[in-house]
């Protein structure tokens, strides 16, 4: 079916008091697995996210990897959108429109609060002039690019509700990723979320909340987070864990294999099953 916009999918989910899952794409197999997994979950809506790191992996060519993901999404029976994730480079953000993204997450979270507001407000202005939905981050989720995971109770790590409300008002963002106890790149699902904080943020912030680092969050914690007010649930590492485990298992059982299709198929199927699991978990 035709590509849908992330903004529409998030709005629909928020209006129905449910969540929308967003999955990170690195290879063509990731995109195919997300589409297959969404179809297996009853043609559930989902977001295909391509991060700045994934673009770098493909030699900095955002158009090629995006075109491949878009072709997969359009061939799917499930409603799927394209999202440019964790963009630090303004040049890459400005490539989003030509590449066909309907949304982007502009990440100025490592800057000071004032600089974060200034940079994000400019990104929002630019995006809204072109019909691009913009997500931003406030707080320190941690675990990205080799950073150590952060304790949710460390002072200054969690997102403050009053600051979040002021940030959204000052920047005009369409959605806000918040730090409530999860961490990027977790390979074990052991994170414990601050559900009381999620509810406070939901009440304080007039835009949908986004949970980054959901791969490390157990199913029950994700369900509670959705009930407390999380709308967009980002998943990346869980796909890579499933993919690598399946490929490793195949090669260990078939050490003379040289045809990559032999081990990419079980890898792709493992990712699709993971996508279906997360989609069913959230709703």
C-alpha atoms as a PDB file:
ATOM      1  CA  UNK A   1       0.000   0.000   0.000  1.00  0.00           C
ATOM      2  CA  UNK A   2       1.162   3.613  -0.322  1.00  0.00           C
ATOM      3  CA  UNK A   3       3.471   4.977   2.359  1.00  0.00           C
ATOM      4  CA  UNK A   4       1.662   6.643   5.224  1.00  0.00           C
ATOM      5  CA  UNK A   5       3.046   9.446   7.356  1.00  0.00           C
ATOM      6  CA  UNK A   6       4.500   8.920  10.805  1.00  0.00           C
ATOM      7  CA  UNK A   7       2.500  11.867  12.098  1.00  0.00           C
ATOM      8  CA  UNK A   8      -0.766  10.224  11.036  1.00  0.00           C
ATOM      9  CA  UNK A   9       0.214   6.894  12.592  1.00  0.00           C
ATOM     10  CA  UNK A  10       1.211   8.527  15.881  1.00  0.00           C
ATOM     11  CA  UNK A  11      -1.963  10.642  15.946  1.00  0.00           C
ATOM     12  CA  UNK A  12      -4.121   7.577  15.316  1.00  0.00           C
ATOM     13  CA  UNK A  13      -2.360   5.651  18.081  1.00  0.00           C
ATOM     14  CA  UNK A  14      -2.643   8.498  20.580  1.00  0.00           C
ATOM     15  CA  UNK A  15      -6.323   9.032  19.763  1.00  0.00           C
ATOM     16  CA  UNK A  16      -7.010   5.346  20.397  1.00  0.00           C
ATOM     17  CA  UNK A  17      -4.935   5.296  23.628  1.00  0.00           C
ATOM     18  CA  UNK A  18      -2.578   2.702  22.177  1.00  0.00           C
ATOM     19  CA  UNK A  19       1.029   2.664  21.014  1.00  0.00           C
ATOM     20  CA  UNK A  20       2.888   2.571  17.722  1.00  0.00           C
ATOM     21  CA  UNK A  21       6.067   0.529  17.318  1.00  0.00           C
ATOM     22  CA  UNK A  22       9.022   1.897  15.354  1.00  0.00           C
ATOM     23  CA  UNK A  23      11.807  -0.433  14.223  1.00  0.00           C
ATOM     24  CA  UNK A  24      15.311   0.471  13.089  1.00  0.00           C
ATOM     25  CA  UNK A  25      16.455  -0.521   9.603  1.00  0.00           C
ATOM     26  CA  UNK A  26      20.108  -1.263   8.865  1.00  0.00           C
ATOM     27  CA  UNK A  27      19.941  -3.656   5.904  1.00  0.00           C
ATOM     28  CA  UNK A  28      17.350  -4.583   3.294  1.00  0.00           C
ATOM     29  CA  UNK A  29      16.652  -7.687   5.374  1.00  0.00           C
ATOM     30  CA  UNK A  30      15.654  -5.472   8.308  1.00  0.00           C
ATOM     31  CA  UNK A  31      13.093  -3.638   6.179  1.00  0.00           C
ATOM     32  CA  UNK A  32      11.721  -6.884   4.753  1.00  0.00           C
ATOM     33  CA  UNK A  33      11.475  -8.385   8.237  1.00  0.00           C
ATOM     34  CA  UNK A  34       9.614  -5.371   9.634  1.00  0.00           C
ATOM     35  CA  UNK A  35       7.085  -5.496   6.802  1.00  0.00           C
ATOM     36  CA  UNK A  36       6.644  -9.261   7.179  1.00  0.00           C
ATOM     37  CA  UNK A  37       6.344  -9.014  10.944  1.00  0.00           C
ATOM     38  CA  UNK A  38       3.720  -6.274  10.677  1.00  0.00           C
ATOM     39  CA  UNK A  39       1.710  -8.379   8.246  1.00  0.00           C
ATOM     40  CA  UNK A  40       1.964 -11.392  10.559  1.00  0.00           C
ATOM     41  CA  UNK A  41       0.578  -9.202  13.353  1.00  0.00           C
ATOM     42  CA  UNK A  42      -2.598  -8.589  11.363  1.00  0.00           C
ATOM     43  CA  UNK A  43      -1.278  -5.808   9.148  1.00  0.00           C
ATOM     44  CA  UNK A  44      -0.425  -3.701  12.165  1.00  0.00           C
ATOM     45  CA  UNK A  45       0.909  -0.184  11.544  1.00  0.00           C
ATOM     46  CA  UNK A  46       4.627   0.344  12.124  1.00  0.00           C
ATOM     47  CA  UNK A  47       7.465   2.752  11.433  1.00  0.00           C
ATOM     48  CA  UNK A  48      10.647   1.919   9.531  1.00  0.00           C
ATOM     49  CA  UNK A  49      13.408   4.026  11.079  1.00  0.00           C
ATOM     50  CA  UNK A  50      16.752   4.746   9.438  1.00  0.00           C
ATOM     51  CA  UNK A  51      19.262   6.316  11.799  1.00  0.00           C
ATOM     52  CA  UNK A  52      22.172   8.598  11.064  1.00  0.00           C
ATOM     53  CA  UNK A  53      24.463   5.703  12.040  1.00  0.00           C
ATOM     54  CA  UNK A  54      22.738   3.447   9.487  1.00  0.00           C
ATOM     55  CA  UNK A  55      23.230   6.100   6.808  1.00  0.00           C
ATOM     56  CA  UNK A  56      26.930   6.239   7.702  1.00  0.00           C
ATOM     57  CA  UNK A  57      27.094   2.443   7.414  1.00  0.00           C
ATOM     58  CA  UNK A  58      25.837   2.788   3.844  1.00  0.00           C
ATOM     59  CA  UNK A  59      28.587   5.227   2.955  1.00  0.00           C
ATOM     60  CA  UNK A  60      26.578   8.310   3.800  1.00  0.00           C
ATOM     61  CA  UNK A  61      24.120   7.676   0.963  1.00  0.00           C
ATOM     62  CA  UNK A  62      20.701   8.262   2.524  1.00  0.00           C
ATOM     63  CA  UNK A  63      18.893   7.997  -0.818  1.00  0.00           C
ATOM     64  CA  UNK A  64      19.847   4.391  -1.602  1.00  0.00           C
ATOM     65  CA  UNK A  65      18.931   2.797   1.739  1.00  0.00           C
ATOM     66  CA  UNK A  66      15.772   4.903   1.973  1.00  0.00           C
ATOM     67  CA  UNK A  67      14.652   3.966  -1.526  1.00  0.00           C
ATOM     68  CA  UNK A  68      15.049   0.283  -0.673  1.00  0.00           C
ATOM     69  CA  UNK A  69      13.086   0.612   2.572  1.00  0.00           C
ATOM     70  CA  UNK A  70      10.376   2.648   0.839  1.00  0.00           C
ATOM     71  CA  UNK A  71       9.996   0.018  -1.895  1.00  0.00           C
ATOM     72  CA  UNK A  72       9.533  -2.681   0.747  1.00  0.00           C
ATOM     73  CA  UNK A  73       7.001  -0.563   2.629  1.00  0.00           C
ATOM     74  CA  UNK A  74       4.960   0.198  -0.486  1.00  0.00           C
ATOM     75  CA  UNK A  75       4.789  -3.506  -1.355  1.00  0.00           C
ATOM     76  CA  UNK A  76       3.462  -4.387   2.092  1.00  0.00           C
ATOM     77  CA  UNK A  77      -0.182  -4.835   3.040  1.00  0.00           C
ATOM     78  CA  UNK A  78       0.558  -3.149   6.393  1.00  0.00           C
ATOM     79  CA  UNK A  79       0.490   0.652   6.827  1.00  0.00           C
ATOM     80  CA  UNK A  80       4.137   1.656   7.157  1.00  0.00           C
ATOM     81  CA  UNK A  81       5.974   4.970   7.342  1.00  0.00           C
ATOM     82  CA  UNK A  82       9.592   6.109   6.978  1.00  0.00           C
ATOM     83  CA  UNK A  83      11.336   7.984   9.792  1.00  0.00           C
ATOM     84  CA  UNK A  84      14.869   9.436   9.917  1.00  0.00           C
ATOM     85  CA  UNK A  85      16.129   8.591  13.404  1.00  0.00           C
ATOM     86  CA  UNK A  86      18.650  10.206  15.773  1.00  0.00           C
ATOM     87  CA  UNK A  87      19.811  12.865  13.340  1.00  0.00           C
ATOM     88  CA  UNK A  88      22.619  15.082  14.630  1.00  0.00           C
ATOM     89  CA  UNK A  89      23.776  16.414  11.270  1.00  0.00           C
ATOM     90  CA  UNK A  90      21.726  19.360  10.027  1.00  0.00           C
ATOM     91  CA  UNK A  91      22.783  18.504   6.476  1.00  0.00           C
ATOM     92  CA  UNK A  92      21.318  15.024   6.855  1.00  0.00           C
ATOM     93  CA  UNK A  93      18.143  16.443   8.338  1.00  0.00           C
ATOM     94  CA  UNK A  94      17.833  18.696   5.303  1.00  0.00           C
ATOM     95  CA  UNK A  95      18.175  15.640   3.051  1.00  0.00           C
ATOM     96  CA  UNK A  96      15.092  14.092   4.661  1.00  0.00           C
ATOM     97  CA  UNK A  97      12.610  15.844   2.424  1.00  0.00           C
ATOM     98  CA  UNK A  98      14.220  14.791  -0.860  1.00  0.00           C
ATOM     99  CA  UNK A  99      14.748  11.258   0.430  1.00  0.00           C
ATOM    100  CA  UNK A 100      11.035  10.816   1.113  1.00  0.00           C
ATOM    101  CA  UNK A 101      10.849  10.800   4.903  1.00  0.00           C
ATOM    102  CA  UNK A 102       7.666  12.094   6.496  1.00  0.00           C
ATOM    103  CA  UNK A 103       9.333  12.517   9.882  1.00  0.00           C
ATOM    104  CA  UNK A 104      12.667  12.857  11.636  1.00  0.00           C
ATOM    105  CA  UNK A 105      14.046  12.669  15.146  1.00  0.00           C
ATOM    106  CA  UNK A 106      16.444  15.587  15.579  1.00  0.00           C
ATOM    107  CA  UNK A 107      18.829  14.745  18.412  1.00  0.00           C
ATOM    108  CA  UNK A 108      20.325  17.749  20.190  1.00  0.00           C
ATOM    109  CA  UNK A 109      20.165  16.000  23.587  1.00  0.00           C
ATOM    110  CA  UNK A 110      23.928  16.214  24.159  1.00  0.00           C
ATOM    111  CA  UNK A 111      23.828  20.003  24.017  1.00  0.00           C
ATOM    112  CA  UNK A 112      23.079  22.281  26.937  1.00  0.00           C
ATOM    113  CA  UNK A 113      19.381  22.910  27.516  1.00  0.00           C
ATOM    114  CA  UNK A 114      19.463  26.354  25.922  1.00  0.00           C
ATOM    115  CA  UNK A 115      21.431  25.156  22.898  1.00  0.00           C
ATOM    116  CA  UNK A 116      19.160  22.126  22.579  1.00  0.00           C
ATOM    117  CA  UNK A 117      16.114  24.413  22.497  1.00  0.00           C
ATOM    118  CA  UNK A 118      17.673  26.732  19.921  1.00  0.00           C
ATOM    119  CA  UNK A 119      18.818  23.955  17.574  1.00  0.00           C
ATOM    120  CA  UNK A 120      15.609  21.963  17.898  1.00  0.00           C
ATOM    121  CA  UNK A 121      13.366  24.989  17.352  1.00  0.00           C
ATOM    122  CA  UNK A 122      15.225  25.682  14.103  1.00  0.00           C
ATOM    123  CA  UNK A 123      14.870  22.027  13.052  1.00  0.00           C
ATOM    124  CA  UNK A 124      11.145  22.177  13.783  1.00  0.00           C
ATOM    125  CA  UNK A 125      10.731  25.408  11.821  1.00  0.00           C
ATOM    126  CA  UNK A 126      12.541  23.889   8.845  1.00  0.00           C
ATOM    127  CA  UNK A 127      10.615  20.624   9.074  1.00  0.00           C
ATOM    128  CA  UNK A 128       7.167  22.136   9.451  1.00  0.00           C
ATOM    129  CA  UNK A 129       7.710  24.337   6.407  1.00  0.00           C
ATOM    130  CA  UNK A 130       8.089  21.103   4.442  1.00  0.00           C
ATOM    131  CA  UNK A 131       5.437  19.030   6.175  1.00  0.00           C
ATOM    132  CA  UNK A 132       7.944  16.957   8.154  1.00  0.00           C
ATOM    133  CA  UNK A 133       6.938  15.788  11.634  1.00  0.00           C
ATOM    134  CA  UNK A 134       9.763  16.335  14.147  1.00  0.00           C
ATOM    135  CA  UNK A 135      10.599  14.328  17.266  1.00  0.00           C
ATOM    136  CA  UNK A 136      13.232  15.450  19.777  1.00  0.00           C
ATOM    137  CA  UNK A 137      14.791  14.180  23.000  1.00  0.00           C
ATOM    138  CA  UNK A 138      15.084  15.693  26.457  1.00  0.00           C
ATOM    139  CA  UNK A 139      16.983  13.881  29.194  1.00  0.00           C
ATOM    140  CA  UNK A 140      19.726  11.287  28.877  1.00  0.00           C
ATOM    141  CA  UNK A 141      18.625   7.871  27.654  1.00  0.00           C
ATOM    142  CA  UNK A 142      22.257   6.696  27.348  1.00  0.00           C
ATOM    143  CA  UNK A 143      23.773   3.625  25.749  1.00  0.00           C
ATOM    144  CA  UNK A 144      24.121   5.079  22.239  1.00  0.00           C
ATOM    145  CA  UNK A 145      27.404   4.998  20.300  1.00  0.00           C
ATOM    146  CA  UNK A 146      29.130   2.932  22.974  1.00  0.00           C
ATOM    147  CA  UNK A 147      28.035   5.048  25.939  1.00  0.00           C
ATOM    148  CA  UNK A 148      27.467   3.197  29.191  1.00  0.00           C
ATOM    149  CA  UNK A 149      23.819   2.685  30.185  1.00  0.00           C
ATOM    150  CA  UNK A 150      22.620   5.262  32.699  1.00  0.00           C
ATOM    151  CA  UNK A 151      20.839   4.603  35.968  1.00  0.00           C
ATOM    152  CA  UNK A 152      17.365   6.137  35.763  1.00  0.00           C
ATOM    153  CA  UNK A 153      17.789   7.517  39.269  1.00  0.00           C
ATOM    154  CA  UNK A 154      21.048   9.364  38.632  1.00  0.00           C
ATOM    155  CA  UNK A 155      20.507  13.095  39.213  1.00  0.00           C
ATOM    156  CA  UNK A 156      20.000  14.966  35.958  1.00  0.00           C
ATOM    157  CA  UNK A 157      19.353  11.832  33.875  1.00  0.00           C
ATOM    158  CA  UNK A 158      15.572  11.502  33.965  1.00  0.00           C
ATOM    159  CA  UNK A 159      13.394  13.970  32.106  1.00  0.00           C
ATOM    160  CA  UNK A 160      11.860  16.605  34.374  1.00  0.00           C
ATOM    161  CA  UNK A 161       8.127  17.179  33.639  1.00  0.00           C
ATOM    162  CA  UNK A 162       8.199  20.953  34.109  1.00  0.00           C
ATOM    163  CA  UNK A 163      11.302  21.295  31.954  1.00  0.00           C
ATOM    164  CA  UNK A 164       9.712  19.023  29.354  1.00  0.00           C
ATOM    165  CA  UNK A 165       6.610  21.207  29.177  1.00  0.00           C
ATOM    166  CA  UNK A 166       8.737  24.330  28.746  1.00  0.00           C
ATOM    167  CA  UNK A 167      10.883  22.587  26.120  1.00  0.00           C
ATOM    168  CA  UNK A 168       7.898  21.536  24.031  1.00  0.00           C
ATOM    169  CA  UNK A 169       6.435  25.050  24.217  1.00  0.00           C
ATOM    170  CA  UNK A 170       9.750  26.631  23.209  1.00  0.00           C
ATOM    171  CA  UNK A 171      10.566  24.269  20.339  1.00  0.00           C
ATOM    172  CA  UNK A 172       7.185  23.286  18.911  1.00  0.00           C
ATOM    173  CA  UNK A 173       8.194  19.617  18.549  1.00  0.00           C
ATOM    174  CA  UNK A 174       5.566  17.077  17.510  1.00  0.00           C
ATOM    175  CA  UNK A 175       6.706  14.335  19.907  1.00  0.00           C
ATOM    176  CA  UNK A 176       9.164  14.041  22.776  1.00  0.00           C
ATOM    177  CA  UNK A 177      11.528  11.179  23.596  1.00  0.00           C
ATOM    178  CA  UNK A 178      12.007  11.062  27.354  1.00  0.00           C
ATOM    179  CA  UNK A 179      14.429   9.398  29.760  1.00  0.00           C
ATOM    180  CA  UNK A 180      12.473   7.200  32.159  1.00  0.00           C
ATOM    181  CA  UNK A 181      14.773   4.234  32.795  1.00  0.00           C
ATOM    182  CA  UNK A 182      15.495   2.600  29.450  1.00  0.00           C
ATOM    183  CA  UNK A 183      18.822   2.648  27.618  1.00  0.00           C
ATOM    184  CA  UNK A 184      19.917   2.205  24.019  1.00  0.00           C
ATOM    185  CA  UNK A 185      21.716  -0.949  22.858  1.00  0.00           C
ATOM    186  CA  UNK A 186      20.619  -3.222  25.723  1.00  0.00           C
ATOM    187  CA  UNK A 187      20.885  -6.894  24.727  1.00  0.00           C
ATOM    188  CA  UNK A 188      19.041  -8.156  27.822  1.00  0.00           C
ATOM    189  CA  UNK A 189      15.499  -7.108  28.704  1.00  0.00           C
ATOM    190  CA  UNK A 190      16.091  -6.038  32.288  1.00  0.00           C
ATOM    191  CA  UNK A 191      15.252  -2.313  32.326  1.00  0.00           C
ATOM    192  CA  UNK A 192      12.809  -1.103  34.983  1.00  0.00           C
ATOM    193  CA  UNK A 193      10.889   2.009  33.970  1.00  0.00           C
ATOM    194  CA  UNK A 194       9.718   4.863  36.164  1.00  0.00           C
ATOM    195  CA  UNK A 195       5.991   4.557  35.483  1.00  0.00           C
ATOM    196  CA  UNK A 196       5.028   7.336  37.871  1.00  0.00           C
ATOM    197  CA  UNK A 197       7.306   9.683  35.941  1.00  0.00           C
ATOM    198  CA  UNK A 198       5.789   8.575  32.638  1.00  0.00           C
ATOM    199  CA  UNK A 199       2.337   9.514  33.952  1.00  0.00           C
ATOM    200  CA  UNK A 200       3.627  12.885  35.162  1.00  0.00           C
ATOM    201  CA  UNK A 201       5.189  13.576  31.774  1.00  0.00           C
ATOM    202  CA  UNK A 202       1.989  12.532  29.999  1.00  0.00           C
ATOM    203  CA  UNK A 203       0.041  15.056  32.070  1.00  0.00           C
ATOM    204  CA  UNK A 204       2.638  17.815  31.663  1.00  0.00           C
ATOM    205  CA  UNK A 205       3.434  17.519  27.956  1.00  0.00           C
ATOM    206  CA  UNK A 206       0.840  18.168  25.217  1.00  0.00           C
ATOM    207  CA  UNK A 207       2.557  15.969  22.599  1.00  0.00           C
ATOM    208  CA  UNK A 208       3.015  12.173  22.337  1.00  0.00           C
ATOM    209  CA  UNK A 209       5.795  10.599  24.399  1.00  0.00           C
ATOM    210  CA  UNK A 210       8.424   8.334  22.839  1.00  0.00           C
ATOM    211  CA  UNK A 211      10.281   5.486  24.552  1.00  0.00           C
ATOM    212  CA  UNK A 212      13.786   4.918  23.192  1.00  0.00           C
ATOM    213  CA  UNK A 213      15.759   1.802  24.091  1.00  0.00           C
ATOM    214  CA  UNK A 214      12.686  -0.449  24.237  1.00  0.00           C
ATOM    215  CA  UNK A 215      14.731  -3.525  23.264  1.00  0.00           C
ATOM    216  CA  UNK A 216      15.922  -3.713  26.866  1.00  0.00           C
ATOM    217  CA  UNK A 217      12.454  -3.352  28.406  1.00  0.00           C
ATOM    218  CA  UNK A 218      10.469  -6.483  29.419  1.00  0.00           C
ATOM    219  CA  UNK A 219       7.016  -7.021  27.899  1.00  0.00           C
ATOM    220  CA  UNK A 220       5.089  -6.208  31.080  1.00  0.00           C
ATOM    221  CA  UNK A 221       7.085  -3.001  31.535  1.00  0.00           C
ATOM    222  CA  UNK A 222       6.286  -1.966  27.964  1.00  0.00           C
ATOM    223  CA  UNK A 223       2.566  -2.633  28.497  1.00  0.00           C
ATOM    224  CA  UNK A 224       2.607  -0.594  31.699  1.00  0.00           C
ATOM    225  CA  UNK A 225       4.471   2.210  29.934  1.00  0.00           C
ATOM    226  CA  UNK A 226       1.832   2.314  27.185  1.00  0.00           C
ATOM    227  CA  UNK A 227      -0.927   2.375  29.802  1.00  0.00           C
ATOM    228  CA  UNK A 228       0.868   5.232  31.562  1.00  0.00           C
ATOM    229  CA  UNK A 229       1.125   7.317  28.399  1.00  0.00           C
ATOM    230  CA  UNK A 230       3.899   6.195  26.054  1.00  0.00           C
ATOM    231  CA  UNK A 231       2.794   6.378  22.410  1.00  0.00           C
ATOM    232  CA  UNK A 232       5.801   5.603  20.172  1.00  0.00           C
ATOM    233  CA  UNK A 233       7.924   2.597  21.138  1.00  0.00           C
ATOM    234  CA  UNK A 234      11.370   2.420  19.472  1.00  0.00           C
ATOM    235  CA  UNK A 235      12.994  -0.982  18.917  1.00  0.00           C
ATOM    236  CA  UNK A 236      16.392  -1.589  17.333  1.00  0.00           C
ATOM    237  CA  UNK A 237      18.830  -3.843  19.180  1.00  0.00           C
ATOM    238  CA  UNK A 238      16.263  -6.616  19.637  1.00  0.00           C
ATOM    239  CA  UNK A 239      16.158  -7.095  15.861  1.00  0.00           C
ATOM    240  CA  UNK A 240      19.940  -7.267  15.664  1.00  0.00           C
ATOM    241  CA  UNK A 241      20.077  -9.755  18.532  1.00  0.00           C
ATOM    242  CA  UNK A 242      17.554 -12.015  16.793  1.00  0.00           C
ATOM    243  CA  UNK A 243      19.248 -11.670  13.419  1.00  0.00           C
ATOM    244  CA  UNK A 244      22.780 -12.334  14.671  1.00  0.00           C
ATOM    245  CA  UNK A 245      21.676 -15.254  16.827  1.00  0.00           C
ATOM    246  CA  UNK A 246      19.936 -16.951  13.922  1.00  0.00           C
ATOM    247  CA  UNK A 247      22.839 -16.373  11.533  1.00  0.00           C
ATOM    248  CA  UNK A 248      25.366 -17.583  14.094  1.00  0.00           C
ATOM    249  CA  UNK A 249      23.302 -20.684  14.783  1.00  0.00           C
ATOM    250  CA  UNK A 250      23.008 -21.525  11.091  1.00  0.00           C
ATOM    251  CA  UNK A 251      26.720 -21.097  10.431  1.00  0.00           C
ATOM    252  CA  UNK A 252      27.667 -23.160  13.458  1.00  0.00           C
ATOM    253  CA  UNK A 253      25.443 -25.973  12.176  1.00  0.00           C
ATOM    254  CA  UNK A 254      26.569 -25.510   8.561  1.00  0.00           C
ATOM    255  CA  UNK A 255      30.203 -24.317   8.716  1.00  0.00           C
ATOM    256  CA  UNK A 256      30.929 -24.886   5.014  1.00  0.00           C
ATOM    257  CA  UNK A 257      28.133 -22.559   3.820  1.00  0.00           C
ATOM    258  CA  UNK A 258      29.271 -19.720   1.572  1.00  0.00           C
ATOM    259  CA  UNK A 259      25.949 -18.641  -0.008  1.00  0.00           C
ATOM    260  CA  UNK A 260      24.725 -15.736   2.172  1.00  0.00           C
ATOM    261  CA  UNK A 261      21.111 -16.407   1.234  1.00  0.00           C
ATOM    262  CA  UNK A 262      21.271 -19.616   3.250  1.00  0.00           C
ATOM    263  CA  UNK A 263      21.865 -17.805   6.534  1.00  0.00           C
ATOM    264  CA  UNK A 264      20.169 -14.485   5.726  1.00  0.00           C
ATOM    265  CA  UNK A 265      16.805 -16.237   5.425  1.00  0.00           C
ATOM    266  CA  UNK A 266      16.761 -17.522   9.037  1.00  0.00           C
ATOM    267  CA  UNK A 267      18.151 -14.167  10.160  1.00  0.00           C
ATOM    268  CA  UNK A 268      15.351 -12.303   8.430  1.00  0.00           C
ATOM    269  CA  UNK A 269      12.726 -14.710   9.757  1.00  0.00           C
ATOM    270  CA  UNK A 270      14.019 -14.262  13.307  1.00  0.00           C
ATOM    271  CA  UNK A 271      13.723 -10.492  12.985  1.00  0.00           C
ATOM    272  CA  UNK A 272      10.192 -10.792  11.569  1.00  0.00           C
ATOM    273  CA  UNK A 273       9.150 -12.921  14.537  1.00  0.00           C
ATOM    274  CA  UNK A 274      10.615 -10.312  16.888  1.00  0.00           C
ATOM    275  CA  UNK A 275       8.677  -7.541  15.137  1.00  0.00           C
ATOM    276  CA  UNK A 276       5.448  -9.520  15.439  1.00  0.00           C
ATOM    277  CA  UNK A 277       6.117 -10.140  19.125  1.00  0.00           C
ATOM    278  CA  UNK A 278       6.623  -6.457  19.904  1.00  0.00           C
ATOM    279  CA  UNK A 279       3.565  -5.422  17.889  1.00  0.00           C
ATOM    280  CA  UNK A 280       1.400  -7.904  19.739  1.00  0.00           C
ATOM    281  CA  UNK A 281       2.901  -6.855  23.054  1.00  0.00           C
ATOM    282  CA  UNK A 282       1.907  -3.230  22.605  1.00  0.00           C
ATOM    283  CA  UNK A 283      -1.526  -3.891  21.353  1.00  0.00           C
END
